[in-house]
Amino acid sequence: MSDEDVLTGRWRVERVSGLLPPVGLRKRIGPRNGSTRLGPLPLARFRVRGRTLDYVGWPLRDELRQGEDGEWLGRGLLFGREFCRFRLVAD
């Protein structure tokens, strides 16, 4: 099973460190693309490239890795510089 298959679904985003993401942020991840949402409202679309989410029209990227306990951990990058860390929780 590929990372894309495992990541496909709806996720609640929990902040680990940094100023963002805010409470109520969610991600809908498909095999090739998805969106970040605040509650029911879509904020930004992205392309799925392995374990990286590249935002369309924004200098943003999320890099994801699977933790030792199987949870997905991520870091948000703006212009290639980290500005937050988060975890994905199945929604």
N, C-alpha and C. Protein backbone atom coordinates (compact mmCIF):
# COMPACT_ATOMS: atom_id res chain seq x y z
N MET A 1 0.85 -1.17 0.00
CA MET A 1 0.00 0.00 0.00
C MET A 1 0.90 1.24 0.00
N SER A 2 0.60 2.21 -0.86
CA SER A 2 1.43 3.41 -0.97
C SER A 2 1.03 4.44 0.09
N ASP A 3 1.92 5.44 0.29
CA ASP A 3 1.61 6.53 1.23
C ASP A 3 0.34 7.25 0.83
N GLU A 4 0.15 7.43 -0.48
CA GLU A 4 -1.04 8.13 -0.96
C GLU A 4 -2.30 7.40 -0.53
N ASP A 5 -2.29 6.06 -0.61
CA ASP A 5 -3.45 5.28 -0.19
C ASP A 5 -3.69 5.41 1.30
N VAL A 6 -2.63 5.36 2.09
CA VAL A 6 -2.76 5.45 3.54
C VAL A 6 -3.23 6.84 3.96
N LEU A 7 -2.75 7.87 3.26
CA LEU A 7 -3.11 9.25 3.61
C LEU A 7 -4.49 9.66 3.12
N THR A 8 -5.04 8.94 2.16
CA THR A 8 -6.34 9.29 1.61
C THR A 8 -7.41 9.24 2.70
N GLY A 9 -8.14 10.36 2.82
CA GLY A 9 -9.22 10.42 3.81
C GLY A 9 -9.39 11.81 4.38
N ARG A 10 -10.11 11.89 5.46
CA ARG A 10 -10.37 13.16 6.15
C ARG A 10 -9.61 13.15 7.47
N TRP A 11 -8.93 14.27 7.73
CA TRP A 11 -8.06 14.37 8.89
C TRP A 11 -8.31 15.66 9.66
N ARG A 12 -8.25 15.56 10.95
CA ARG A 12 -8.25 16.74 11.83
C ARG A 12 -6.78 17.08 12.07
N VAL A 13 -6.46 18.37 12.05
CA VAL A 13 -5.08 18.82 12.22
C VAL A 13 -4.92 19.33 13.65
N GLU A 14 -3.96 18.79 14.38
CA GLU A 14 -3.67 19.23 15.75
C GLU A 14 -2.28 19.87 15.77
N ARG A 15 -2.21 21.07 16.30
CA ARG A 15 -0.94 21.79 16.38
C ARG A 15 -0.02 21.11 17.40
N VAL A 16 1.24 20.95 17.02
CA VAL A 16 2.27 20.43 17.92
C VAL A 16 3.16 21.59 18.37
N SER A 17 3.54 22.47 17.43
CA SER A 17 4.35 23.65 17.75
C SER A 17 4.19 24.69 16.66
N GLY A 18 4.56 25.93 16.99
CA GLY A 18 4.44 27.03 16.04
C GLY A 18 3.14 27.78 16.23
N LEU A 19 2.97 28.84 15.48
CA LEU A 19 1.78 29.67 15.60
C LEU A 19 0.56 29.04 14.95
N LEU A 20 0.78 28.28 13.93
CA LEU A 20 -0.32 27.66 13.21
C LEU A 20 -0.13 26.15 13.28
N PRO A 21 -1.06 25.34 12.97
CA PRO A 21 -2.39 25.65 12.46
C PRO A 21 -3.38 25.97 13.57
N PRO A 22 -4.42 26.72 13.23
CA PRO A 22 -5.43 27.07 14.23
C PRO A 22 -6.33 25.89 14.55
N VAL A 23 -7.05 26.01 15.64
CA VAL A 23 -8.04 25.00 16.01
C VAL A 23 -9.12 24.96 14.93
N GLY A 24 -9.59 23.78 14.60
CA GLY A 24 -10.66 23.63 13.62
C GLY A 24 -10.18 23.35 12.21
N LEU A 25 -8.87 23.26 12.02
CA LEU A 25 -8.33 23.01 10.69
C LEU A 25 -8.44 21.52 10.37
N ARG A 26 -8.80 21.22 9.12
CA ARG A 26 -8.94 19.85 8.66
C ARG A 26 -8.33 19.73 7.28
N LYS A 27 -7.99 18.50 6.91
CA LYS A 27 -7.48 18.22 5.57
C LYS A 27 -8.29 17.08 4.97
N ARG A 28 -8.64 17.24 3.71
CA ARG A 28 -9.23 16.17 2.92
C ARG A 28 -8.17 15.80 1.90
N ILE A 29 -7.66 14.58 2.01
CA ILE A 29 -6.56 14.15 1.16
C ILE A 29 -7.05 13.03 0.24
N GLY A 30 -6.88 13.25 -1.06
CA GLY A 30 -7.19 12.24 -2.06
C GLY A 30 -5.90 11.63 -2.59
N PRO A 31 -5.98 10.73 -3.54
CA PRO A 31 -4.77 10.10 -4.07
C PRO A 31 -3.84 11.09 -4.77
N ARG A 32 -4.40 12.13 -5.40
CA ARG A 32 -3.57 13.07 -6.16
C ARG A 32 -3.68 14.52 -5.69
N ASN A 33 -4.78 14.86 -5.02
CA ASN A 33 -4.96 16.24 -4.57
C ASN A 33 -5.87 16.27 -3.35
N GLY A 34 -6.04 17.46 -2.81
CA GLY A 34 -6.88 17.61 -1.63
C GLY A 34 -7.04 19.07 -1.26
N SER A 35 -7.56 19.31 -0.07
CA SER A 35 -7.76 20.68 0.39
C SER A 35 -7.59 20.76 1.91
N THR A 36 -7.20 21.94 2.33
CA THR A 36 -7.16 22.27 3.75
C THR A 36 -8.38 23.13 4.01
N ARG A 37 -9.09 22.84 5.11
CA ARG A 37 -10.36 23.50 5.40
C ARG A 37 -10.36 24.03 6.83
N LEU A 38 -11.10 25.08 7.02
CA LEU A 38 -11.37 25.59 8.36
C LEU A 38 -12.84 25.36 8.60
N GLY A 39 -13.16 24.37 9.42
CA GLY A 39 -14.54 23.93 9.55
C GLY A 39 -14.98 23.41 8.20
N PRO A 40 -16.14 23.85 7.68
CA PRO A 40 -16.61 23.38 6.38
C PRO A 40 -16.03 24.18 5.20
N LEU A 41 -15.31 25.26 5.47
CA LEU A 41 -14.85 26.16 4.41
C LEU A 41 -13.48 25.77 3.86
N PRO A 42 -13.38 25.57 2.54
CA PRO A 42 -12.07 25.28 1.96
C PRO A 42 -11.18 26.52 1.99
N LEU A 43 -9.93 26.36 2.45
CA LEU A 43 -8.98 27.47 2.49
C LEU A 43 -7.99 27.42 1.34
N ALA A 44 -7.47 26.23 1.07
CA ALA A 44 -6.44 26.10 0.04
C ALA A 44 -6.43 24.68 -0.51
N ARG A 45 -6.15 24.58 -1.80
CA ARG A 45 -6.02 23.28 -2.45
C ARG A 45 -4.54 22.90 -2.54
N PHE A 46 -4.29 21.60 -2.59
CA PHE A 46 -2.92 21.13 -2.73
C PHE A 46 -2.86 19.91 -3.63
N ARG A 47 -1.66 19.62 -4.12
CA ARG A 47 -1.36 18.40 -4.87
C ARG A 47 -0.62 17.45 -3.94
N VAL A 48 -0.95 16.19 -4.01
CA VAL A 48 -0.28 15.18 -3.20
C VAL A 48 0.87 14.61 -4.03
N ARG A 49 2.07 14.69 -3.48
CA ARG A 49 3.27 14.15 -4.13
C ARG A 49 4.00 13.29 -3.10
N GLY A 50 3.60 12.02 -3.04
CA GLY A 50 4.17 11.13 -2.03
C GLY A 50 3.74 11.57 -0.64
N ARG A 51 4.71 11.98 0.18
CA ARG A 51 4.42 12.44 1.54
C ARG A 51 4.46 13.97 1.63
N THR A 52 4.36 14.63 0.49
CA THR A 52 4.39 16.10 0.46
C THR A 52 3.08 16.62 -0.10
N LEU A 53 2.55 17.66 0.53
CA LEU A 53 1.36 18.35 0.04
C LEU A 53 1.82 19.72 -0.46
N ASP A 54 1.77 19.94 -1.78
CA ASP A 54 2.19 21.20 -2.40
C ASP A 54 0.96 22.04 -2.68
N TYR A 55 0.88 23.21 -2.05
CA TYR A 55 -0.29 24.07 -2.19
C TYR A 55 -0.29 24.80 -3.52
N VAL A 56 -1.45 24.83 -4.16
CA VAL A 56 -1.62 25.46 -5.47
C VAL A 56 -1.73 26.97 -5.28
N GLY A 57 -0.82 27.71 -5.92
CA GLY A 57 -0.87 29.17 -5.88
C GLY A 57 -0.31 29.80 -4.61
N TRP A 58 0.27 28.99 -3.74
CA TRP A 58 0.84 29.48 -2.49
C TRP A 58 2.27 28.95 -2.35
N PRO A 59 3.15 29.70 -1.69
CA PRO A 59 4.51 29.20 -1.45
C PRO A 59 4.57 28.31 -0.21
N LEU A 60 3.56 27.43 -0.07
CA LEU A 60 3.42 26.56 1.11
C LEU A 60 3.58 25.10 0.72
N ARG A 61 4.10 24.34 1.66
CA ARG A 61 4.25 22.90 1.48
C ARG A 61 4.15 22.25 2.85
N ASP A 62 3.45 21.14 2.92
CA ASP A 62 3.43 20.30 4.13
C ASP A 62 4.24 19.05 3.83
N GLU A 63 5.17 18.72 4.72
CA GLU A 63 5.93 17.49 4.62
C GLU A 63 5.47 16.56 5.74
N LEU A 64 5.09 15.36 5.38
CA LEU A 64 4.53 14.40 6.33
C LEU A 64 5.47 13.22 6.52
N ARG A 65 5.45 12.67 7.73
CA ARG A 65 6.19 11.44 8.02
C ARG A 65 5.38 10.64 9.01
N GLN A 66 5.56 9.35 8.98
CA GLN A 66 4.85 8.49 9.90
C GLN A 66 5.69 8.29 11.15
N GLY A 67 5.08 8.57 12.30
CA GLY A 67 5.76 8.40 13.58
C GLY A 67 5.89 6.94 13.95
N GLU A 68 6.64 6.68 15.02
CA GLU A 68 6.88 5.31 15.47
C GLU A 68 5.60 4.57 15.83
N ASP A 69 4.62 5.30 16.34
CA ASP A 69 3.36 4.66 16.72
C ASP A 69 2.35 4.63 15.59
N GLY A 70 2.77 5.02 14.37
CA GLY A 70 1.89 4.96 13.21
C GLY A 70 1.14 6.24 12.91
N GLU A 71 1.19 7.21 13.82
CA GLU A 71 0.48 8.47 13.54
C GLU A 71 1.25 9.28 12.50
N TRP A 72 0.53 10.15 11.79
CA TRP A 72 1.15 11.01 10.79
C TRP A 72 1.51 12.35 11.41
N LEU A 73 2.77 12.74 11.27
CA LEU A 73 3.28 14.00 11.77
C LEU A 73 3.67 14.86 10.58
N GLY A 74 3.49 16.17 10.72
CA GLY A 74 3.81 17.04 9.61
C GLY A 74 4.47 18.32 10.06
N ARG A 75 5.09 18.97 9.08
CA ARG A 75 5.64 20.30 9.32
C ARG A 75 5.26 21.16 8.13
N GLY A 76 4.82 22.38 8.44
CA GLY A 76 4.45 23.33 7.40
C GLY A 76 5.64 24.19 7.04
N LEU A 77 5.84 24.38 5.74
CA LEU A 77 6.96 25.17 5.25
C LEU A 77 6.43 26.32 4.40
N LEU A 78 6.93 27.51 4.64
CA LEU A 78 6.62 28.70 3.87
C LEU A 78 7.92 29.17 3.24
N PHE A 79 7.96 29.23 1.90
CA PHE A 79 9.21 29.54 1.19
C PHE A 79 10.35 28.63 1.66
N GLY A 80 10.02 27.37 1.98
CA GLY A 80 11.03 26.40 2.38
C GLY A 80 11.47 26.48 3.83
N ARG A 81 10.88 27.39 4.60
CA ARG A 81 11.25 27.53 6.02
C ARG A 81 10.10 27.04 6.91
N GLU A 82 10.44 26.23 7.88
CA GLU A 82 9.42 25.66 8.77
C GLU A 82 8.78 26.75 9.62
N PHE A 83 7.43 26.71 9.68
CA PHE A 83 6.72 27.65 10.54
C PHE A 83 5.78 26.96 11.53
N CYS A 84 5.58 25.65 11.37
CA CYS A 84 4.75 24.94 12.34
C CYS A 84 4.98 23.43 12.23
N ARG A 85 4.54 22.72 13.27
CA ARG A 85 4.50 21.25 13.29
C ARG A 85 3.11 20.84 13.74
N PHE A 86 2.64 19.73 13.20
CA PHE A 86 1.27 19.29 13.49
C PHE A 86 1.19 17.77 13.37
N ARG A 87 0.08 17.23 13.82
CA ARG A 87 -0.21 15.81 13.64
C ARG A 87 -1.58 15.70 12.96
N LEU A 88 -1.76 14.63 12.20
CA LEU A 88 -3.04 14.35 11.56
C LEU A 88 -3.75 13.27 12.36
N VAL A 89 -5.00 13.51 12.67
CA VAL A 89 -5.83 12.57 13.41
C VAL A 89 -7.02 12.22 12.53
N ALA A 90 -7.27 10.93 12.30
CA ALA A 90 -8.39 10.51 11.46
C ALA A 90 -9.68 11.16 11.95
N ASP A 91 -10.44 11.68 11.03
CA ASP A 91 -11.66 12.43 11.36
C ASP A 91 -12.89 11.62 11.02
